C-alpha cells in the first residue's frame, strides 16, 4: 500500500518519527515533499525524537536526493569510486546460497 501511494516513509533516512511529522503537516508522498521543501527548509524541519524535538539536519540533502531519484526513475551517481593504485590487492568474497537451493543458511568463503 505504501509503494502504491508513493509514501514518504519509504525514502531512505526517513525514520518513523519524521514520517509521522511529515504526515502531520500534510506531506504524505515524495512528490509532495519535493514540491513543498528544499534542503534548507527540510534540514530545519523539527520532529519529536522521544520527548524532545530534533531537526532533520544533514539528512535532508540525501532524503531529497533519493526522492528526486525515485520521482524521475533514473539512476544518479552519488560518488565516483576511489580505489588507490597498488601492485597487489586482497579480495574478500562471501557467497551465500538462496534458501530455496539449500535447506540450511550457509555462507561460503571462496577465496582470499
PDB file of N, CA and C in Angstrom:
ATOM      1  N   UNK A   1       0.827  -1.192   0.000  1.00  0.00           N
ATOM      2  CA  UNK A   1       0.000   0.000   0.000  1.00  0.00           C
ATOM      3  C   UNK A   1       0.872   1.256   0.000  1.00  0.00           C
ATOM      4  N   UNK A   2       1.983   1.209   0.760  1.00  0.00           N
ATOM      5  CA  UNK A   2       2.862   2.375   0.819  1.00  0.00           C
ATOM      6  C   UNK A   2       3.510   2.641  -0.533  1.00  0.00           C
ATOM      7  N   UNK A   3       3.912   1.582  -1.232  1.00  0.00           N
ATOM      8  CA  UNK A   3       4.504   1.763  -2.557  1.00  0.00           C
ATOM      9  C   UNK A   3       3.487   2.337  -3.539  1.00  0.00           C
ATOM     10  N   UNK A   4       2.276   1.825  -3.508  1.00  0.00           N
ATOM     11  CA  UNK A   4       1.234   2.320  -4.411  1.00  0.00           C
ATOM     12  C   UNK A   4       0.910   3.787  -4.138  1.00  0.00           C
ATOM     13  N   UNK A   5       1.040   4.209  -2.882  1.00  0.00           N
ATOM     14  CA  UNK A   5       0.736   5.595  -2.501  1.00  0.00           C
ATOM     15  C   UNK A   5       1.948   6.517  -2.595  1.00  0.00           C
ATOM     16  N   UNK A   6       3.117   5.980  -3.002  1.00  0.00           N
ATOM     17  CA  UNK A   6       4.369   6.770  -3.048  1.00  0.00           C
ATOM     18  C   UNK A   6       4.650   7.418  -1.701  1.00  0.00           C
ATOM     19  N   UNK A   7       4.463   6.664  -0.638  1.00  0.00           N
ATOM     20  CA  UNK A   7       4.566   7.202   0.714  1.00  0.00           C
ATOM     21  C   UNK A   7       5.988   7.665   1.042  1.00  0.00           C
ATOM     22  N   UNK A   8       6.070   8.802   1.683  1.00  0.00           N
ATOM     23  CA  UNK A   8       7.351   9.405   2.056  1.00  0.00           C
ATOM     24  C   UNK A   8       8.135   8.514   3.030  1.00  0.00           C
ATOM     25  N   UNK A   9       7.448   7.651   3.746  1.00  0.00           N
ATOM     26  CA  UNK A   9       8.121   6.780   4.716  1.00  0.00           C
ATOM     27  C   UNK A   9       9.018   5.743   4.048  1.00  0.00           C
ATOM     28  N   UNK A  10       8.901   5.539   2.739  1.00  0.00           N
ATOM     29  CA  UNK A  10       9.738   4.579   2.029  1.00  0.00           C
ATOM     30  C   UNK A  10      11.107   5.139   1.659  1.00  0.00           C
ATOM     31  N   UNK A  11      11.289   6.434   1.811  1.00  0.00           N
ATOM     32  CA  UNK A  11      12.570   7.046   1.459  1.00  0.00           C
ATOM     33  C   UNK A  11      13.647   6.683   2.477  1.00  0.00           C
ATOM     34  N   UNK A  12      14.856   6.358   2.000  1.00  0.00           N
ATOM     35  CA  UNK A  12      15.952   6.136   2.939  1.00  0.00           C
ATOM     36  C   UNK A  12      16.187   7.374   3.804  1.00  0.00           C
ATOM     37  N   UNK A  13      16.583   7.172   5.027  1.00  0.00           N
ATOM     38  CA  UNK A  13      16.861   8.224   6.022  1.00  0.00           C
ATOM     39  C   UNK A  13      15.607   8.886   6.582  1.00  0.00           C
ATOM     40  N   UNK A  14      14.425   8.434   6.172  1.00  0.00           N
ATOM     41  CA  UNK A  14      13.177   8.930   6.773  1.00  0.00           C
ATOM     42  C   UNK A  14      12.771   7.903   7.822  1.00  0.00           C
ATOM     43  N   UNK A  15      12.990   8.259   9.091  1.00  0.00           N
ATOM     44  CA  UNK A  15      12.619   7.336  10.162  1.00  0.00           C
ATOM     45  C   UNK A  15      11.139   7.522  10.507  1.00  0.00           C
ATOM     46  N   UNK A  16      10.670   6.712  11.430  1.00  0.00           N
ATOM     47  CA  UNK A  16       9.252   6.716  11.762  1.00  0.00           C
ATOM     48  C   UNK A  16       8.789   8.071  12.305  1.00  0.00           C
ATOM     49  N   UNK A  17       9.602   8.694  13.142  1.00  0.00           N
ATOM     50  CA  UNK A  17       9.190   9.985  13.711  1.00  0.00           C
ATOM     51  C   UNK A  17       9.116  11.068  12.641  1.00  0.00           C
ATOM     52  N   UNK A  18      10.032  11.055  11.693  1.00  0.00           N
ATOM     53  CA  UNK A  18       9.999  12.039  10.614  1.00  0.00           C
ATOM     54  C   UNK A  18       8.812  11.778   9.692  1.00  0.00           C
ATOM     55  N   UNK A  19       8.547  10.520   9.370  1.00  0.00           N
ATOM     56  CA  UNK A  19       7.403  10.194   8.514  1.00  0.00           C
ATOM     57  C   UNK A  19       6.105  10.653   9.169  1.00  0.00           C
ATOM     58  N   UNK A  20       5.967  10.417  10.453  1.00  0.00           N
ATOM     59  CA  UNK A  20       4.746  10.852  11.156  1.00  0.00           C
ATOM     60  C   UNK A  20       4.629  12.369  11.187  1.00  0.00           C
ATOM     61  N   UNK A  21       5.740  13.058  11.419  1.00  0.00           N
ATOM     62  CA  UNK A  21       5.709  14.524  11.450  1.00  0.00           C
ATOM     63  C   UNK A  21       5.346  15.087  10.078  1.00  0.00           C
ATOM     64  N   UNK A  22       5.915  14.516   9.021  1.00  0.00           N
ATOM     65  CA  UNK A  22       5.585  14.975   7.669  1.00  0.00           C
ATOM     66  C   UNK A  22       4.118  14.717   7.353  1.00  0.00           C
ATOM     67  N   UNK A  23       3.628  13.536   7.726  1.00  0.00           N
ATOM     68  CA  UNK A  23       2.209  13.236   7.511  1.00  0.00           C
ATOM     69  C   UNK A  23       1.332  14.230   8.277  1.00  0.00           C
ATOM     70  N   UNK A  24       1.776  14.621   9.481  1.00  0.00           N
ATOM     71  CA  UNK A  24       1.031  15.587  10.277  1.00  0.00           C
ATOM     72  C   UNK A  24       0.926  16.942   9.613  1.00  0.00           C
ATOM     73  N   UNK A  25       1.915  17.277   8.776  1.00  0.00           N
ATOM     74  CA  UNK A  25       1.895  18.539   8.040  1.00  0.00           C
ATOM     75  C   UNK A  25       1.290  18.386   6.649  1.00  0.00           C
ATOM     76  N   UNK A  26       0.735  17.218   6.363  1.00  0.00           N
ATOM     77  CA  UNK A  26       0.078  17.001   5.077  1.00  0.00           C
ATOM     78  C   UNK A  26       1.001  16.588   3.955  1.00  0.00           C
ATOM     79  N   UNK A  27       2.249  16.249   4.289  1.00  0.00           N
ATOM     80  CA  UNK A  27       3.201  15.791   3.284  1.00  0.00           C
ATOM     81  C   UNK A  27       3.263  14.274   3.389  1.00  0.00           C
ATOM     82  N   UNK A  28       2.554  13.601   2.488  1.00  0.00           N
ATOM     83  CA  UNK A  28       2.436  12.140   2.578  1.00  0.00           C
ATOM     84  C   UNK A  28       3.213  11.400   1.498  1.00  0.00           C
ATOM     85  N   UNK A  29       3.522  12.064   0.390  1.00  0.00           N
ATOM     86  CA  UNK A  29       4.213  11.395  -0.710  1.00  0.00           C
ATOM     87  C   UNK A  29       5.537  12.099  -0.996  1.00  0.00           C
ATOM     88  N   UNK A  30       6.413  11.397  -1.723  1.00  0.00           N
ATOM     89  CA  UNK A  30       7.682  12.039  -2.049  1.00  0.00           C
ATOM     90  C   UNK A  30       7.477  13.154  -3.068  1.00  0.00           C
ATOM     91  N   UNK A  31       6.419  13.083  -3.868  1.00  0.00           N
ATOM     92  CA  UNK A  31       6.113  14.173  -4.792  1.00  0.00           C
ATOM     93  C   UNK A  31       5.761  15.447  -4.018  1.00  0.00           C
ATOM     94  N   UNK A  32       4.959  15.298  -2.978  1.00  0.00           N
ATOM     95  CA  UNK A  32       4.590  16.452  -2.144  1.00  0.00           C
ATOM     96  C   UNK A  32       5.810  16.995  -1.409  1.00  0.00           C
ATOM     97  N   UNK A  33       6.677  16.110  -0.960  1.00  0.00           N
ATOM     98  CA  UNK A  33       7.895  16.541  -0.269  1.00  0.00           C
ATOM     99  C   UNK A  33       8.762  17.390  -1.189  1.00  0.00           C
ATOM    100  N   UNK A  34       8.926  16.955  -2.429  1.00  0.00           N
ATOM    101  CA  UNK A  34       9.727  17.719  -3.391  1.00  0.00           C
ATOM    102  C   UNK A  34       9.069  19.054  -3.742  1.00  0.00           C
ATOM    103  N   UNK A  35       7.744  19.073  -3.750  1.00  0.00           N
ATOM    104  CA  UNK A  35       7.031  20.289  -4.127  1.00  0.00           C
ATOM    105  C   UNK A  35       7.081  21.363  -3.047  1.00  0.00           C
ATOM    106  N   UNK A  36       7.092  20.957  -1.776  1.00  0.00           N
ATOM    107  CA  UNK A  36       6.973  21.950  -0.697  1.00  0.00           C
ATOM    108  C   UNK A  36       8.268  22.221   0.065  1.00  0.00           C
ATOM    109  N   UNK A  37       9.343  21.497  -0.242  1.00  0.00           N
ATOM    110  CA  UNK A  37      10.556  21.713   0.555  1.00  0.00           C
ATOM    111  C   UNK A  37      11.805  21.757  -0.312  1.00  0.00           C
ATOM    112  N   UNK A  38      12.841  22.322   0.281  1.00  0.00           N
ATOM    113  CA  UNK A  38      14.181  22.292  -0.293  1.00  0.00           C
ATOM    114  C   UNK A  38      15.128  21.851   0.809  1.00  0.00           C
ATOM    115  N   UNK A  39      16.411  21.772   0.519  1.00  0.00           N
ATOM    116  CA  UNK A  39      17.365  21.263   1.503  1.00  0.00           C
ATOM    117  C   UNK A  39      17.349  22.101   2.773  1.00  0.00           C
ATOM    118  N   UNK A  40      17.297  23.412   2.634  1.00  0.00           N
ATOM    119  CA  UNK A  40      17.316  24.289   3.808  1.00  0.00           C
ATOM    120  C   UNK A  40      16.071  24.117   4.671  1.00  0.00           C
ATOM    121  N   UNK A  41      14.909  24.135   4.036  1.00  0.00           N
ATOM    122  CA  UNK A  41      13.677  24.032   4.820  1.00  0.00           C
ATOM    123  C   UNK A  41      13.532  22.660   5.459  1.00  0.00           C
ATOM    124  N   UNK A  42      13.912  21.592   4.745  1.00  0.00           N
ATOM    125  CA  UNK A  42      13.795  20.258   5.324  1.00  0.00           C
ATOM    126  C   UNK A  42      14.821  20.052   6.438  1.00  0.00           C
ATOM    127  N   UNK A  43      16.010  20.611   6.301  1.00  0.00           N
ATOM    128  CA  UNK A  43      17.013  20.446   7.362  1.00  0.00           C
ATOM    129  C   UNK A  43      16.597  21.162   8.644  1.00  0.00           C
ATOM    130  N   UNK A  44      15.781  22.211   8.542  1.00  0.00           N
ATOM    131  CA  UNK A  44      15.291  22.933   9.710  1.00  0.00           C
ATOM    132  C   UNK A  44      13.999  22.331  10.282  1.00  0.00           C
ATOM    133  N   UNK A  45      13.395  21.418   9.543  1.00  0.00           N
ATOM    134  CA  UNK A  45      12.146  20.794   9.981  1.00  0.00           C
ATOM    135  C   UNK A  45      12.393  20.004  11.264  1.00  0.00           C
ATOM    136  N   UNK A  46      11.520  20.181  12.236  1.00  0.00           N
ATOM    137  CA  UNK A  46      11.671  19.508  13.534  1.00  0.00           C
ATOM    138  C   UNK A  46      10.624  18.426  13.702  1.00  0.00           C
ATOM    139  N   UNK A  47      11.060  17.325  14.324  1.00  0.00           N
ATOM    140  CA  UNK A  47      10.156  16.245  14.679  1.00  0.00           C
ATOM    141  C   UNK A  47      10.542  15.731  16.040  1.00  0.00           C
ATOM    142  N   UNK A  48       9.609  15.053  16.690  1.00  0.00           N
ATOM    143  CA  UNK A  48       9.876  14.542  18.030  1.00  0.00           C
ATOM    144  C   UNK A  48      10.698  13.263  17.963  1.00  0.00           C
ATOM    145  N   UNK A  49      11.726  13.237  18.764  1.00  0.00           N
ATOM    146  CA  UNK A  49      12.522  12.032  18.992  1.00  0.00           C
ATOM    147  C   UNK A  49      12.470  11.806  20.494  1.00  0.00           C
ATOM    148  N   UNK A  50      11.647  10.860  20.896  1.00  0.00           N
ATOM    149  CA  UNK A  50      11.386  10.699  22.318  1.00  0.00           C
ATOM    150  C   UNK A  50      10.528  11.844  22.801  1.00  0.00           C
ATOM    151  N   UNK A  51      11.024  12.577  23.813  1.00  0.00           N
ATOM    152  CA  UNK A  51      10.256  13.707  24.342  1.00  0.00           C
ATOM    153  C   UNK A  51      10.787  15.057  23.872  1.00  0.00           C
ATOM    154  N   UNK A  52      11.862  15.045  23.101  1.00  0.00           N
ATOM    155  CA  UNK A  52      12.415  16.324  22.635  1.00  0.00           C
ATOM    156  C   UNK A  52      12.317  16.433  21.121  1.00  0.00           C
ATOM    157  N   UNK A  53      12.381  17.658  20.641  1.00  0.00           N
ATOM    158  CA  UNK A  53      12.337  17.895  19.203  1.00  0.00           C
ATOM    159  C   UNK A  53      13.744  17.922  18.642  1.00  0.00           C
ATOM    160  N   UNK A  54      13.886  17.432  17.420  1.00  0.00           N
ATOM    161  CA  UNK A  54      15.194  17.384  16.767  1.00  0.00           C
ATOM    162  C   UNK A  54      15.023  17.785  15.313  1.00  0.00           C
ATOM    163  N   UNK A  55      15.986  18.539  14.787  1.00  0.00           N
ATOM    164  CA  UNK A  55      15.973  18.927  13.386  1.00  0.00           C
ATOM    165  C   UNK A  55      16.377  17.731  12.516  1.00  0.00           C
ATOM    166  N   UNK A  56      15.940  17.762  11.272  1.00  0.00           N
ATOM    167  CA  UNK A  56      16.346  16.728  10.316  1.00  0.00           C
ATOM    168  C   UNK A  56      17.836  16.864  10.043  1.00  0.00           C
ATOM    169  N   UNK A  57      18.317  18.083   9.885  1.00  0.00           N
ATOM    170  CA  UNK A  57      19.744  18.352   9.740  1.00  0.00           C
ATOM    171  C   UNK A  57      20.336  17.879   8.422  1.00  0.00           C
ATOM    172  N   UNK A  58      21.507  17.269   8.503  1.00  0.00           N
ATOM    173  CA  UNK A  58      22.265  16.882   7.310  1.00  0.00           C
ATOM    174  C   UNK A  58      21.596  15.788   6.484  1.00  0.00           C
ATOM    175  N   UNK A  59      20.670  15.068   7.075  1.00  0.00           N
ATOM    176  CA  UNK A  59      19.960  14.009   6.336  1.00  0.00           C
ATOM    177  C   UNK A  59      19.068  14.581   5.239  1.00  0.00           C
ATOM    178  N   UNK A  60      18.728  15.847   5.326  1.00  0.00           N
ATOM    179  CA  UNK A  60      17.787  16.461   4.389  1.00  0.00           C
ATOM    180  C   UNK A  60      18.253  16.356   2.947  1.00  0.00           C
ATOM    181  N   UNK A  61      19.522  16.598   2.717  1.00  0.00           N
ATOM    182  CA  UNK A  61      20.048  16.559   1.345  1.00  0.00           C
ATOM    183  C   UNK A  61      19.867  15.170   0.735  1.00  0.00           C
ATOM    184  N   UNK A  62      20.214  14.132   1.489  1.00  0.00           N
ATOM    185  CA  UNK A  62      20.077  12.757   0.990  1.00  0.00           C
ATOM    186  C   UNK A  62      18.611  12.383   0.789  1.00  0.00           C
ATOM    187  N   UNK A  63      17.760  12.786   1.717  1.00  0.00           N
ATOM    188  CA  UNK A  63      16.337  12.464   1.606  1.00  0.00           C
ATOM    189  C   UNK A  63      15.772  13.041   0.311  1.00  0.00           C
ATOM    190  N   UNK A  64      16.072  14.308   0.041  1.00  0.00           N
ATOM    191  CA  UNK A  64      15.558  14.939  -1.174  1.00  0.00           C
ATOM    192  C   UNK A  64      16.202  14.370  -2.434  1.00  0.00           C
ATOM    193  N   UNK A  65      17.470  13.984  -2.339  1.00  0.00           N
ATOM    194  CA  UNK A  65      18.144  13.356  -3.472  1.00  0.00           C
ATOM    195  C   UNK A  65      17.472  12.035  -3.830  1.00  0.00           C
ATOM    196  N   UNK A  66      17.183  11.216  -2.825  1.00  0.00           N
ATOM    197  CA  UNK A  66      16.512   9.951  -3.077  1.00  0.00           C
ATOM    198  C   UNK A  66      15.086  10.172  -3.589  1.00  0.00           C
ATOM    199  N   UNK A  67      14.381  11.143  -3.037  1.00  0.00           N
ATOM    200  CA  UNK A  67      13.024  11.438  -3.500  1.00  0.00           C
ATOM    201  C   UNK A  67      13.040  11.852  -4.966  1.00  0.00           C
ATOM    202  N   UNK A  68      13.992  12.688  -5.345  1.00  0.00           N
ATOM    203  CA  UNK A  68      14.107  13.136  -6.734  1.00  0.00           C
ATOM    204  C   UNK A  68      14.461  11.968  -7.652  1.00  0.00           C
ATOM    205  N   UNK A  69      15.349  11.108  -7.197  1.00  0.00           N
ATOM    206  CA  UNK A  69      15.751   9.940  -7.990  1.00  0.00           C
ATOM    207  C   UNK A  69      14.579   9.002  -8.218  1.00  0.00           C
ATOM    208  N   UNK A  70      13.806   8.756  -7.173  1.00  0.00           N
ATOM    209  CA  UNK A  70      12.643   7.879  -7.300  1.00  0.00           C
ATOM    210  C   UNK A  70      11.589   8.524  -8.192  1.00  0.00           C
ATOM    211  N   UNK A  71      11.385   9.807  -8.029  1.00  0.00           N
ATOM    212  CA  UNK A  71      10.376  10.520  -8.814  1.00  0.00           C
ATOM    213  C   UNK A  71      10.714  10.484 -10.309  1.00  0.00           C
ATOM    214  N   UNK A  72      11.976  10.727 -10.652  1.00  0.00           N
ATOM    215  CA  UNK A  72      12.390  10.748 -12.057  1.00  0.00           C
ATOM    216  C   UNK A  72      12.691   9.355 -12.603  1.00  0.00           C
ATOM    217  N   UNK A  73      12.771   8.366 -11.731  1.00  0.00           N
ATOM    218  CA  UNK A  73      13.069   6.982 -12.095  1.00  0.00           C
ATOM    219  C   UNK A  73      14.327   6.872 -12.943  1.00  0.00           C
ATOM    220  N   UNK A  74      15.392   7.509 -12.446  1.00  0.00           N
ATOM    221  CA  UNK A  74      16.679   7.401 -13.117  1.00  0.00           C
ATOM    222  C   UNK A  74      17.780   7.313 -12.074  1.00  0.00           C
ATOM    223  N   UNK A  75      18.834   6.627 -12.451  1.00  0.00           N
ATOM    224  CA  UNK A  75      19.952   6.455 -11.524  1.00  0.00           C
ATOM    225  C   UNK A  75      20.785   7.726 -11.453  1.00  0.00           C
ATOM    226  N   UNK A  76      21.393   7.941 -10.289  1.00  0.00           N
ATOM    227  CA  UNK A  76      22.301   9.072 -10.107  1.00  0.00           C
ATOM    228  C   UNK A  76      23.585   8.552  -9.484  1.00  0.00           C
ATOM    229  N   UNK A  77      24.689   9.088  -9.896  1.00  0.00           N
ATOM    230  CA  UNK A  77      25.975   8.738  -9.299  1.00  0.00           C
ATOM    231  C   UNK A  77      26.166   9.622  -8.079  1.00  0.00           C
ATOM    232  N   UNK A  78      26.245   8.998  -6.906  1.00  0.00           N
ATOM    233  CA  UNK A  78      26.410   9.757  -5.671  1.00  0.00           C
ATOM    234  C   UNK A  78      27.868  10.106  -5.431  1.00  0.00           C
ATOM    235  N   UNK A  79      28.763   9.213  -5.818  1.00  0.00           N
ATOM    236  CA  UNK A  79      30.199   9.460  -5.664  1.00  0.00           C
ATOM    237  C   UNK A  79      30.947   8.532  -6.615  1.00  0.00           C
ATOM    238  N   UNK A  80      32.020   9.015  -7.178  1.00  0.00           N
ATOM    239  CA  UNK A  80      32.850   8.190  -8.050  1.00  0.00           C
ATOM    240  C   UNK A  80      33.714   7.298  -7.161  1.00  0.00           C
ATOM    241  N   UNK A  81      33.731   5.997  -7.432  1.00  0.00           N
ATOM    242  CA  UNK A  81      34.552   5.108  -6.604  1.00  0.00           C
ATOM    243  C   UNK A  81      36.027   5.499  -6.677  1.00  0.00           C
ATOM    244  N   UNK A  82      36.649   5.475  -5.543  1.00  0.00           N
ATOM    245  CA  UNK A  82      38.058   5.843  -5.474  1.00  0.00           C
ATOM    246  C   UNK A  82      38.852   4.649  -4.944  1.00  0.00           C
ATOM    247  N   UNK A  83      39.569   3.984  -5.841  1.00  0.00           N
ATOM    248  CA  UNK A  83      40.394   2.835  -5.456  1.00  0.00           C
ATOM    249  C   UNK A  83      41.850   3.224  -5.678  1.00  0.00           C
ATOM    250  N   UNK A  84      42.640   3.257  -4.609  1.00  0.00           N
ATOM    251  CA  UNK A  84      44.046   3.638  -4.773  1.00  0.00           C
ATOM    252  C   UNK A  84      44.801   2.616  -5.621  1.00  0.00           C
ATOM    253  N   UNK A  85      45.810   3.070  -6.312  1.00  0.00           N
ATOM    254  CA  UNK A  85      46.597   2.207  -7.171  1.00  0.00           C
ATOM    255  C   UNK A  85      47.714   1.531  -6.382  1.00  0.00           C
ATOM    256  N   UNK A  86      47.681   0.206  -6.335  1.00  0.00           N
ATOM    257  CA  UNK A  86      48.697  -0.608  -5.672  1.00  0.00           C
ATOM    258  C   UNK A  86      49.032  -1.787  -6.575  1.00  0.00           C
ATOM    259  N   UNK A  87      50.214  -2.378  -6.424  1.00  0.00           N
ATOM    260  CA  UNK A  87      50.573  -3.525  -7.268  1.00  0.00           C
ATOM    261  C   UNK A  87      49.761  -4.789  -6.936  1.00  0.00           C
ATOM    262  N   UNK A  88      49.286  -4.912  -5.693  1.00  0.00           N
ATOM    263  CA  UNK A  88      48.533  -6.093  -5.277  1.00  0.00           C
ATOM    264  C   UNK A  88      47.293  -5.672  -4.503  1.00  0.00           C
ATOM    265  N   UNK A  89      46.253  -6.496  -4.596  1.00  0.00           N
ATOM    266  CA  UNK A  89      45.019  -6.267  -3.862  1.00  0.00           C
ATOM    267  C   UNK A  89      44.586  -7.565  -3.195  1.00  0.00           C
ATOM    268  N   UNK A  90      43.847  -7.459  -2.117  1.00  0.00           N
ATOM    269  CA  UNK A  90      43.258  -8.607  -1.454  1.00  0.00           C
ATOM    270  C   UNK A  90      41.752  -8.514  -1.654  1.00  0.00           C
ATOM    271  N   UNK A  91      41.145  -9.630  -2.036  1.00  0.00           N
ATOM    272  CA  UNK A  91      39.694  -9.644  -2.215  1.00  0.00           C
ATOM    273  C   UNK A  91      39.089 -10.591  -1.195  1.00  0.00           C
ATOM    274  N   UNK A  92      38.062 -10.122  -0.535  1.00  0.00           N
ATOM    275  CA  UNK A  92      37.326 -10.913   0.444  1.00  0.00           C
ATOM    276  C   UNK A  92      35.936 -11.104  -0.120  1.00  0.00           C
ATOM    277  N   UNK A  93      35.595 -12.323  -0.484  1.00  0.00           N
ATOM    278  CA  UNK A  93      34.346 -12.581  -1.180  1.00  0.00           C
ATOM    279  C   UNK A  93      33.530 -13.622  -0.426  1.00  0.00           C
ATOM    280  N   UNK A  94      32.360 -13.221   0.073  1.00  0.00           N
ATOM    281  CA  UNK A  94      31.452 -14.146   0.748  1.00  0.00           C
ATOM    282  C   UNK A  94      30.296 -14.442  -0.187  1.00  0.00           C
ATOM    283  N   UNK A  95      29.977 -15.695  -0.328  1.00  0.00           N
ATOM    284  CA  UNK A  95      28.875 -16.115  -1.183  1.00  0.00           C
ATOM    285  C   UNK A  95      27.861 -16.870  -0.354  1.00  0.00           C
ATOM    286  N   UNK A  96      26.623 -16.658  -0.607  1.00  0.00           N
ATOM    287  CA  UNK A  96      25.562 -17.368   0.102  1.00  0.00           C
ATOM    288  C   UNK A  96      24.682 -18.117  -0.870  1.00  0.00           C
ATOM    289  N   UNK A  97      24.070 -19.167  -0.405  1.00  0.00           N
ATOM    290  CA  UNK A  97      23.132 -19.930  -1.225  1.00  0.00           C
ATOM    291  C   UNK A  97      21.722 -19.466  -0.891  1.00  0.00           C
ATOM    292  N   UNK A  98      20.896 -19.213  -1.894  1.00  0.00           N
ATOM    293  CA  UNK A  98      19.498 -18.868  -1.611  1.00  0.00           C
ATOM    294  C   UNK A  98      18.815 -20.013  -0.880  1.00  0.00           C
ATOM    295  N   UNK A  99      17.914 -19.707   0.039  1.00  0.00           N
ATOM    296  CA  UNK A  99      17.278 -20.755   0.846  1.00  0.00           C
ATOM    297  C   UNK A  99      16.553 -21.816   0.026  1.00  0.00           C
ATOM    298  N   UNK A 100      16.046 -21.443  -1.160  1.00  0.00           N
ATOM    299  CA  UNK A 100      15.330 -22.443  -1.940  1.00  0.00           C
ATOM    300  C   UNK A 100      16.256 -23.507  -2.537  1.00  0.00           C
ATOM    301  N   UNK A 101      17.570 -23.241  -2.609  1.00  0.00           N
ATOM    302  CA  UNK A 101      18.516 -24.213  -3.131  1.00  0.00           C
ATOM    303  C   UNK A 101      19.187 -25.022  -2.040  1.00  0.00           C
ATOM    304  N   UNK A 102      19.147 -24.532  -0.831  1.00  0.00           N
ATOM    305  CA  UNK A 102      19.834 -25.194   0.265  1.00  0.00           C
ATOM    306  C   UNK A 102      18.977 -25.023   1.514  1.00  0.00           C
ATOM    307  N   UNK A 103      18.679 -26.109   2.193  1.00  0.00           N
ATOM    308  CA  UNK A 103      17.790 -26.013   3.345  1.00  0.00           C
ATOM    309  C   UNK A 103      18.424 -25.319   4.542  1.00  0.00           C
ATOM    310  N   UNK A 104      19.742 -25.245   4.586  1.00  0.00           N
ATOM    311  CA  UNK A 104      20.429 -24.571   5.684  1.00  0.00           C
ATOM    312  C   UNK A 104      20.992 -23.246   5.185  1.00  0.00           C
ATOM    313  N   UNK A 105      21.007 -22.260   6.058  1.00  0.00           N
ATOM    314  CA  UNK A 105      21.627 -20.985   5.699  1.00  0.00           C
ATOM    315  C   UNK A 105      23.132 -21.136   5.822  1.00  0.00           C
ATOM    316  N   UNK A 106      23.810 -21.051   4.691  1.00  0.00           N
ATOM    317  CA  UNK A 106      25.270 -21.201   4.678  1.00  0.00           C
ATOM    318  C   UNK A 106      25.882 -20.040   3.920  1.00  0.00           C
ATOM    319  N   UNK A 107      27.029 -19.649   4.371  1.00  0.00           N
ATOM    320  CA  UNK A 107      27.822 -18.641   3.674  1.00  0.00           C
ATOM    321  C   UNK A 107      29.177 -19.255   3.406  1.00  0.00           C
ATOM    322  N   UNK A 108      29.646 -19.137   2.165  1.00  0.00           N
ATOM    323  CA  UNK A 108      30.888 -19.769   1.776  1.00  0.00           C
ATOM    324  C   UNK A 108      31.966 -18.709   1.565  1.00  0.00           C
ATOM    325  N   UNK A 109      33.142 -18.999   2.042  1.00  0.00           N
ATOM    326  CA  UNK A 109      34.316 -18.149   1.797  1.00  0.00           C
ATOM    327  C   UNK A 109      35.058 -18.793   0.651  1.00  0.00           C
ATOM    328  N   UNK A 110      34.998 -18.190  -0.535  1.00  0.00           N
ATOM    329  CA  UNK A 110      35.587 -18.796  -1.726  1.00  0.00           C
ATOM    330  C   UNK A 110      37.077 -18.556  -1.826  1.00  0.00           C
ATOM    331  N   UNK A 111      37.553 -17.438  -1.445  1.00  0.00           N
ATOM    332  CA  UNK A 111      38.984 -17.195  -1.621  1.00  0.00           C
ATOM    333  C   UNK A 111      39.417 -15.904  -0.989  1.00  0.00           C
ATOM    334  N   UNK A 112      40.709 -15.859  -0.772  1.00  0.00           N
ATOM    335  CA  UNK A 112      41.259 -14.655  -0.170  1.00  0.00           C
ATOM    336  C   UNK A 112      42.637 -14.422  -0.709  1.00  0.00           C
TER     337      UNK A 112
END
